[in-house]
Amino acid sequence: MMATTPAPRRPVRGSSAGRPLMAVLDLFGRRWTLRILWELRDGTLGFRPLQQRCDGMSSSVLHQRLTELRESRLVERDAGDGYRLTPLGEGACEELRGLHHWAEGWAAELARVLADRPGPAS
C-alpha cells in the first residue's frame, strides 16, 4: 500500500522503488507545496497569514499540505503555533532560489524576444 506522503524508498508516482528524486518530485508536484515552502523562506508564519500569502487557498488544502510537509520533515510548528522551515526545508528553499534566479532570466529573455518582434503592419 502506498503511503499518503511521498518518501524515498517507498513506492511513489513514477518509481515503484521510491527513488529519492522521484519521491521529491511527487511531493513538490502537489498543488501548493512549492508555494508554501517559498512563503516560509523568510521566517515563521501562522496558519491564517500563510493562507493569505498563498492567495487564500482553502484551509483544508493548506492543512493537508502542511501535514505532508511536516511528515517529510521540511516544515515544523514552533511553540507559538506558527509554521517554519526545518533545516531540510531551508535546503530545499536554497535550491528553489536557484530556480527563481533562472526563472527571472527566462522571463527577461522572453520579454526581450517579444519586444524585438515587429508590430502589426499599418
N, C-alpha and C. Protein backbone atom coordinates (compact mmCIF):
# COMPACT_ATOMS: atom_id res chain seq x y z
N MET A 1 0.84 -1.19 0.00
CA MET A 1 0.00 0.00 0.00
C MET A 1 0.89 1.25 0.00
N MET A 2 0.55 2.23 -0.83
CA MET A 2 1.35 3.44 -0.95
C MET A 2 0.98 4.42 0.17
N ALA A 3 2.00 4.98 0.81
CA ALA A 3 1.78 5.97 1.87
C ALA A 3 1.25 7.27 1.26
N THR A 4 0.53 8.05 2.05
CA THR A 4 -0.02 9.31 1.57
C THR A 4 1.07 10.31 1.23
N THR A 5 2.04 10.46 2.11
CA THR A 5 3.11 11.42 1.90
C THR A 5 4.27 10.73 1.19
N PRO A 6 4.69 11.26 0.04
CA PRO A 6 5.82 10.64 -0.68
C PRO A 6 7.07 10.64 0.18
N ALA A 7 7.82 9.57 0.08
CA ALA A 7 9.08 9.45 0.82
C ALA A 7 10.03 8.54 0.05
N PRO A 8 11.32 8.80 0.16
CA PRO A 8 12.29 7.92 -0.50
C PRO A 8 12.15 6.47 -0.03
N ARG A 9 12.43 5.58 -0.94
CA ARG A 9 12.42 4.15 -0.69
C ARG A 9 11.04 3.55 -0.43
N ARG A 10 10.02 4.32 -0.79
CA ARG A 10 8.65 3.81 -0.79
C ARG A 10 8.07 4.09 -2.17
N PRO A 11 7.20 3.25 -2.67
CA PRO A 11 6.62 3.50 -3.99
C PRO A 11 5.96 4.87 -4.07
N VAL A 12 6.25 5.59 -5.16
CA VAL A 12 5.65 6.90 -5.43
C VAL A 12 5.30 6.95 -6.90
N ARG A 13 4.59 7.99 -7.30
CA ARG A 13 4.29 8.14 -8.73
C ARG A 13 5.60 8.18 -9.50
N GLY A 14 5.74 7.33 -10.48
CA GLY A 14 6.92 7.33 -11.33
C GLY A 14 8.04 6.43 -10.87
N SER A 15 7.93 5.82 -9.69
CA SER A 15 9.00 4.94 -9.21
C SER A 15 8.47 3.96 -8.18
N SER A 16 8.40 2.70 -8.59
CA SER A 16 7.94 1.69 -7.63
C SER A 16 8.97 1.45 -6.53
N ALA A 17 10.24 1.81 -6.80
CA ALA A 17 11.29 1.65 -5.79
C ALA A 17 11.42 2.88 -4.89
N GLY A 18 10.76 3.97 -5.25
CA GLY A 18 10.82 5.17 -4.42
C GLY A 18 12.16 5.87 -4.48
N ARG A 19 12.71 5.99 -5.69
CA ARG A 19 13.97 6.72 -5.81
C ARG A 19 13.78 8.12 -5.21
N PRO A 20 14.79 8.62 -4.47
CA PRO A 20 14.64 9.90 -3.79
C PRO A 20 14.20 11.05 -4.70
N LEU A 21 14.77 11.15 -5.91
CA LEU A 21 14.36 12.22 -6.81
C LEU A 21 12.89 12.10 -7.18
N MET A 22 12.44 10.88 -7.46
CA MET A 22 11.03 10.69 -7.82
C MET A 22 10.12 11.01 -6.64
N ALA A 23 10.55 10.66 -5.44
CA ALA A 23 9.74 10.96 -4.25
C ALA A 23 9.60 12.46 -4.05
N VAL A 24 10.71 13.21 -4.21
CA VAL A 24 10.62 14.66 -4.02
C VAL A 24 9.83 15.31 -5.16
N LEU A 25 9.95 14.78 -6.38
CA LEU A 25 9.14 15.33 -7.48
C LEU A 25 7.66 15.08 -7.23
N ASP A 26 7.34 13.92 -6.67
CA ASP A 26 5.94 13.63 -6.33
C ASP A 26 5.45 14.61 -5.27
N LEU A 27 6.25 14.81 -4.23
CA LEU A 27 5.86 15.73 -3.16
C LEU A 27 5.75 17.17 -3.68
N PHE A 28 6.79 17.64 -4.38
CA PHE A 28 6.79 19.02 -4.87
C PHE A 28 5.80 19.25 -5.99
N GLY A 29 5.37 18.19 -6.65
CA GLY A 29 4.40 18.32 -7.73
C GLY A 29 2.97 18.48 -7.25
N ARG A 30 2.76 18.33 -5.97
CA ARG A 30 1.40 18.51 -5.42
C ARG A 30 1.08 20.00 -5.35
N ARG A 31 -0.13 20.30 -5.77
CA ARG A 31 -0.55 21.70 -5.83
C ARG A 31 -0.30 22.41 -4.51
N TRP A 32 0.30 23.58 -4.58
CA TRP A 32 0.58 24.49 -3.47
C TRP A 32 1.81 24.15 -2.65
N THR A 33 2.38 22.96 -2.80
CA THR A 33 3.50 22.57 -1.94
C THR A 33 4.68 23.53 -2.09
N LEU A 34 5.10 23.79 -3.31
CA LEU A 34 6.24 24.69 -3.51
C LEU A 34 5.92 26.10 -3.06
N ARG A 35 4.69 26.52 -3.26
CA ARG A 35 4.30 27.87 -2.83
C ARG A 35 4.40 28.01 -1.32
N ILE A 36 3.98 27.00 -0.59
CA ILE A 36 4.05 27.03 0.87
C ILE A 36 5.52 27.14 1.31
N LEU A 37 6.37 26.30 0.74
CA LEU A 37 7.79 26.37 1.08
C LEU A 37 8.35 27.75 0.78
N TRP A 38 8.00 28.30 -0.39
CA TRP A 38 8.52 29.60 -0.79
C TRP A 38 8.05 30.69 0.16
N GLU A 39 6.81 30.65 0.59
CA GLU A 39 6.29 31.67 1.51
C GLU A 39 6.91 31.58 2.89
N LEU A 40 7.39 30.41 3.27
CA LEU A 40 8.02 30.24 4.58
C LEU A 40 9.52 30.53 4.56
N ARG A 41 10.06 30.87 3.40
CA ARG A 41 11.51 31.05 3.27
C ARG A 41 12.07 32.16 4.15
N ASP A 42 11.27 33.17 4.46
CA ASP A 42 11.77 34.30 5.24
C ASP A 42 11.43 34.21 6.73
N GLY A 43 10.77 33.15 7.14
CA GLY A 43 10.50 33.01 8.57
C GLY A 43 9.16 32.38 8.87
N THR A 44 8.88 32.29 10.14
CA THR A 44 7.68 31.64 10.66
C THR A 44 6.42 32.41 10.30
N LEU A 45 5.38 31.67 9.95
CA LEU A 45 4.06 32.25 9.69
C LEU A 45 3.00 31.40 10.37
N GLY A 46 1.97 32.05 10.89
CA GLY A 46 0.81 31.34 11.41
C GLY A 46 -0.03 30.81 10.25
N PHE A 47 -1.01 30.00 10.57
CA PHE A 47 -1.85 29.36 9.55
C PHE A 47 -2.55 30.40 8.68
N ARG A 48 -3.25 31.34 9.29
CA ARG A 48 -4.01 32.34 8.52
C ARG A 48 -3.12 33.25 7.67
N PRO A 49 -2.02 33.80 8.23
CA PRO A 49 -1.14 34.60 7.39
C PRO A 49 -0.56 33.80 6.22
N LEU A 50 -0.23 32.53 6.47
CA LEU A 50 0.28 31.69 5.38
C LEU A 50 -0.80 31.47 4.33
N GLN A 51 -2.00 31.24 4.77
CA GLN A 51 -3.13 31.06 3.85
C GLN A 51 -3.34 32.32 3.00
N GLN A 52 -3.24 33.49 3.61
CA GLN A 52 -3.40 34.74 2.87
C GLN A 52 -2.28 34.94 1.86
N ARG A 53 -1.06 34.61 2.22
CA ARG A 53 0.07 34.74 1.29
C ARG A 53 -0.06 33.78 0.12
N CYS A 54 -0.78 32.70 0.32
CA CYS A 54 -0.98 31.72 -0.74
C CYS A 54 -2.30 31.99 -1.46
N ASP A 55 -2.61 33.25 -1.61
CA ASP A 55 -3.81 33.68 -2.35
C ASP A 55 -5.09 33.07 -1.82
N GLY A 56 -5.15 32.88 -0.51
CA GLY A 56 -6.39 32.41 0.10
C GLY A 56 -6.77 30.99 -0.26
N MET A 57 -5.79 30.10 -0.42
CA MET A 57 -6.13 28.70 -0.72
C MET A 57 -7.04 28.15 0.38
N SER A 58 -7.76 27.12 0.08
CA SER A 58 -8.69 26.58 1.07
C SER A 58 -7.94 26.07 2.29
N SER A 59 -8.58 26.19 3.44
CA SER A 59 -7.93 25.76 4.68
C SER A 59 -7.70 24.26 4.68
N SER A 60 -8.59 23.49 4.05
CA SER A 60 -8.39 22.03 4.04
C SER A 60 -7.17 21.64 3.21
N VAL A 61 -6.95 22.30 2.08
CA VAL A 61 -5.77 22.00 1.26
C VAL A 61 -4.51 22.43 2.01
N LEU A 62 -4.52 23.61 2.61
CA LEU A 62 -3.36 24.07 3.36
C LEU A 62 -3.04 23.11 4.49
N HIS A 63 -4.05 22.69 5.21
CA HIS A 63 -3.84 21.73 6.31
C HIS A 63 -3.20 20.44 5.77
N GLN A 64 -3.72 19.91 4.67
CA GLN A 64 -3.18 18.67 4.10
C GLN A 64 -1.72 18.85 3.66
N ARG A 65 -1.43 19.94 2.99
CA ARG A 65 -0.05 20.17 2.53
C ARG A 65 0.90 20.38 3.71
N LEU A 66 0.46 21.09 4.73
CA LEU A 66 1.31 21.27 5.90
C LEU A 66 1.57 19.94 6.61
N THR A 67 0.56 19.09 6.65
CA THR A 67 0.74 17.75 7.24
C THR A 67 1.79 16.98 6.45
N GLU A 68 1.69 17.00 5.13
CA GLU A 68 2.66 16.29 4.29
C GLU A 68 4.06 16.87 4.47
N LEU A 69 4.17 18.18 4.52
CA LEU A 69 5.48 18.81 4.68
C LEU A 69 6.07 18.54 6.06
N ARG A 70 5.23 18.44 7.07
CA ARG A 70 5.71 18.09 8.40
C ARG A 70 6.16 16.62 8.43
N GLU A 71 5.38 15.73 7.82
CA GLU A 71 5.76 14.32 7.77
C GLU A 71 7.06 14.14 6.99
N SER A 72 7.31 15.01 6.03
CA SER A 72 8.53 14.96 5.21
C SER A 72 9.70 15.66 5.89
N ARG A 73 9.47 16.24 7.04
CA ARG A 73 10.49 16.94 7.83
C ARG A 73 11.02 18.19 7.15
N LEU A 74 10.18 18.82 6.33
CA LEU A 74 10.55 20.08 5.68
C LEU A 74 10.00 21.29 6.42
N VAL A 75 8.93 21.09 7.17
CA VAL A 75 8.26 22.15 7.92
C VAL A 75 7.99 21.62 9.32
N GLU A 76 8.05 22.53 10.29
CA GLU A 76 7.71 22.17 11.67
C GLU A 76 6.89 23.30 12.28
N ARG A 77 6.23 22.98 13.38
CA ARG A 77 5.50 24.01 14.12
C ARG A 77 6.41 24.55 15.20
N ASP A 78 6.26 25.84 15.47
CA ASP A 78 7.03 26.41 16.57
C ASP A 78 6.16 26.47 17.81
N ALA A 79 6.71 26.95 18.89
CA ALA A 79 5.99 26.99 20.16
C ALA A 79 4.76 27.90 20.11
N GLY A 80 4.77 28.88 19.20
CA GLY A 80 3.65 29.81 19.08
C GLY A 80 2.62 29.42 18.04
N ASP A 81 2.58 28.16 17.66
CA ASP A 81 1.64 27.64 16.66
C ASP A 81 1.87 28.18 15.26
N GLY A 82 3.06 28.67 14.99
CA GLY A 82 3.40 29.07 13.63
C GLY A 82 4.09 27.92 12.91
N TYR A 83 4.29 28.08 11.63
CA TYR A 83 4.98 27.09 10.82
C TYR A 83 6.28 27.70 10.32
N ARG A 84 7.33 26.88 10.32
CA ARG A 84 8.63 27.34 9.84
C ARG A 84 9.34 26.19 9.15
N LEU A 85 10.33 26.55 8.37
CA LEU A 85 11.13 25.55 7.68
C LEU A 85 12.08 24.88 8.65
N THR A 86 12.31 23.60 8.46
CA THR A 86 13.36 22.88 9.17
C THR A 86 14.66 23.09 8.39
N PRO A 87 15.77 22.61 8.90
CA PRO A 87 16.99 22.70 8.09
C PRO A 87 16.85 22.03 6.72
N LEU A 88 16.13 20.91 6.65
CA LEU A 88 15.88 20.29 5.34
C LEU A 88 15.03 21.20 4.45
N GLY A 89 14.04 21.84 5.03
CA GLY A 89 13.20 22.77 4.27
C GLY A 89 13.99 23.98 3.80
N GLU A 90 14.89 24.45 4.64
CA GLU A 90 15.75 25.57 4.24
C GLU A 90 16.64 25.17 3.07
N GLY A 91 17.14 23.94 3.10
CA GLY A 91 17.95 23.44 1.99
C GLY A 91 17.15 23.38 0.70
N ALA A 92 15.90 22.95 0.81
CA ALA A 92 15.03 22.91 -0.38
C ALA A 92 14.82 24.32 -0.92
N CYS A 93 14.62 25.28 -0.04
CA CYS A 93 14.41 26.66 -0.48
C CYS A 93 15.67 27.24 -1.10
N GLU A 94 16.84 26.84 -0.64
CA GLU A 94 18.07 27.28 -1.28
C GLU A 94 18.10 26.82 -2.73
N GLU A 95 17.68 25.60 -2.95
CA GLU A 95 17.61 25.08 -4.32
C GLU A 95 16.56 25.84 -5.13
N LEU A 96 15.44 26.18 -4.50
CA LEU A 96 14.39 26.94 -5.18
C LEU A 96 14.87 28.34 -5.54
N ARG A 97 15.74 28.91 -4.73
CA ARG A 97 16.29 30.24 -5.05
C ARG A 97 17.04 30.20 -6.39
N GLY A 98 17.75 29.11 -6.64
CA GLY A 98 18.42 28.94 -7.93
C GLY A 98 17.42 28.88 -9.06
N LEU A 99 16.33 28.16 -8.85
CA LEU A 99 15.28 28.09 -9.87
C LEU A 99 14.61 29.45 -10.04
N HIS A 100 14.44 30.17 -8.94
CA HIS A 100 13.87 31.52 -9.01
C HIS A 100 14.77 32.43 -9.84
N HIS A 101 16.06 32.36 -9.62
CA HIS A 101 17.01 33.17 -10.38
C HIS A 101 16.92 32.81 -11.87
N TRP A 102 16.89 31.53 -12.17
CA TRP A 102 16.77 31.08 -13.56
C TRP A 102 15.47 31.60 -14.16
N ALA A 103 14.36 31.51 -13.42
CA ALA A 103 13.06 31.95 -13.93
C ALA A 103 13.05 33.44 -14.24
N GLU A 104 13.74 34.24 -13.44
CA GLU A 104 13.83 35.68 -13.72
C GLU A 104 14.55 35.92 -15.04
N GLY A 105 15.64 35.19 -15.29
CA GLY A 105 16.36 35.31 -16.55
C GLY A 105 15.52 34.85 -17.73
N TRP A 106 14.79 33.80 -17.54
CA TRP A 106 13.89 33.26 -18.57
C TRP A 106 12.83 34.30 -18.92
N ALA A 107 12.21 34.90 -17.90
CA ALA A 107 11.18 35.92 -18.13
C ALA A 107 11.77 37.12 -18.88
N ALA A 108 12.98 37.52 -18.49
CA ALA A 108 13.62 38.66 -19.16
C ALA A 108 13.90 38.33 -20.63
N GLU A 109 14.35 37.11 -20.89
CA GLU A 109 14.62 36.71 -22.28
C GLU A 109 13.35 36.69 -23.10
N LEU A 110 12.28 36.15 -22.57
CA LEU A 110 11.02 36.13 -23.30
C LEU A 110 10.50 37.54 -23.55
N ALA A 111 10.65 38.42 -22.56
CA ALA A 111 10.23 39.81 -22.74
C ALA A 111 11.07 40.48 -23.82
N ARG A 112 12.37 40.20 -23.83
CA ARG A 112 13.25 40.77 -24.85
C ARG A 112 12.85 40.31 -26.25
N VAL A 113 12.57 39.02 -26.39
CA VAL A 113 12.17 38.47 -27.68
C VAL A 113 10.87 39.11 -28.15
N LEU A 114 9.92 39.26 -27.25
CA LEU A 114 8.65 39.88 -27.62
C LEU A 114 8.84 41.35 -27.99
N ALA A 115 9.73 42.05 -27.29
CA ALA A 115 9.98 43.46 -27.59
C ALA A 115 10.66 43.62 -28.95
N ASP A 116 11.45 42.62 -29.36
CA ASP A 116 12.16 42.70 -30.65
C ASP A 116 11.26 42.37 -31.84
N ARG A 117 10.13 41.78 -31.60
CA ARG A 117 9.24 41.43 -32.70
C ARG A 117 8.62 42.69 -33.30
N PRO A 118 8.56 42.73 -34.63
CA PRO A 118 7.91 43.90 -35.25
C PRO A 118 6.42 43.89 -34.96
N GLY A 119 5.88 45.07 -34.83
CA GLY A 119 4.44 45.21 -34.58
C GLY A 119 3.65 44.91 -35.83
N PRO A 120 2.33 44.89 -35.73
CA PRO A 120 1.49 44.63 -36.91
C PRO A 120 1.63 45.76 -37.92
N ALA A 121 1.59 45.37 -39.18
CA ALA A 121 1.72 46.37 -40.27
C ALA A 121 0.51 47.29 -40.27
N SER A 122 0.76 48.57 -40.52
CA SER A 122 -0.35 49.53 -40.55
C SER A 122 -0.80 49.75 -41.95
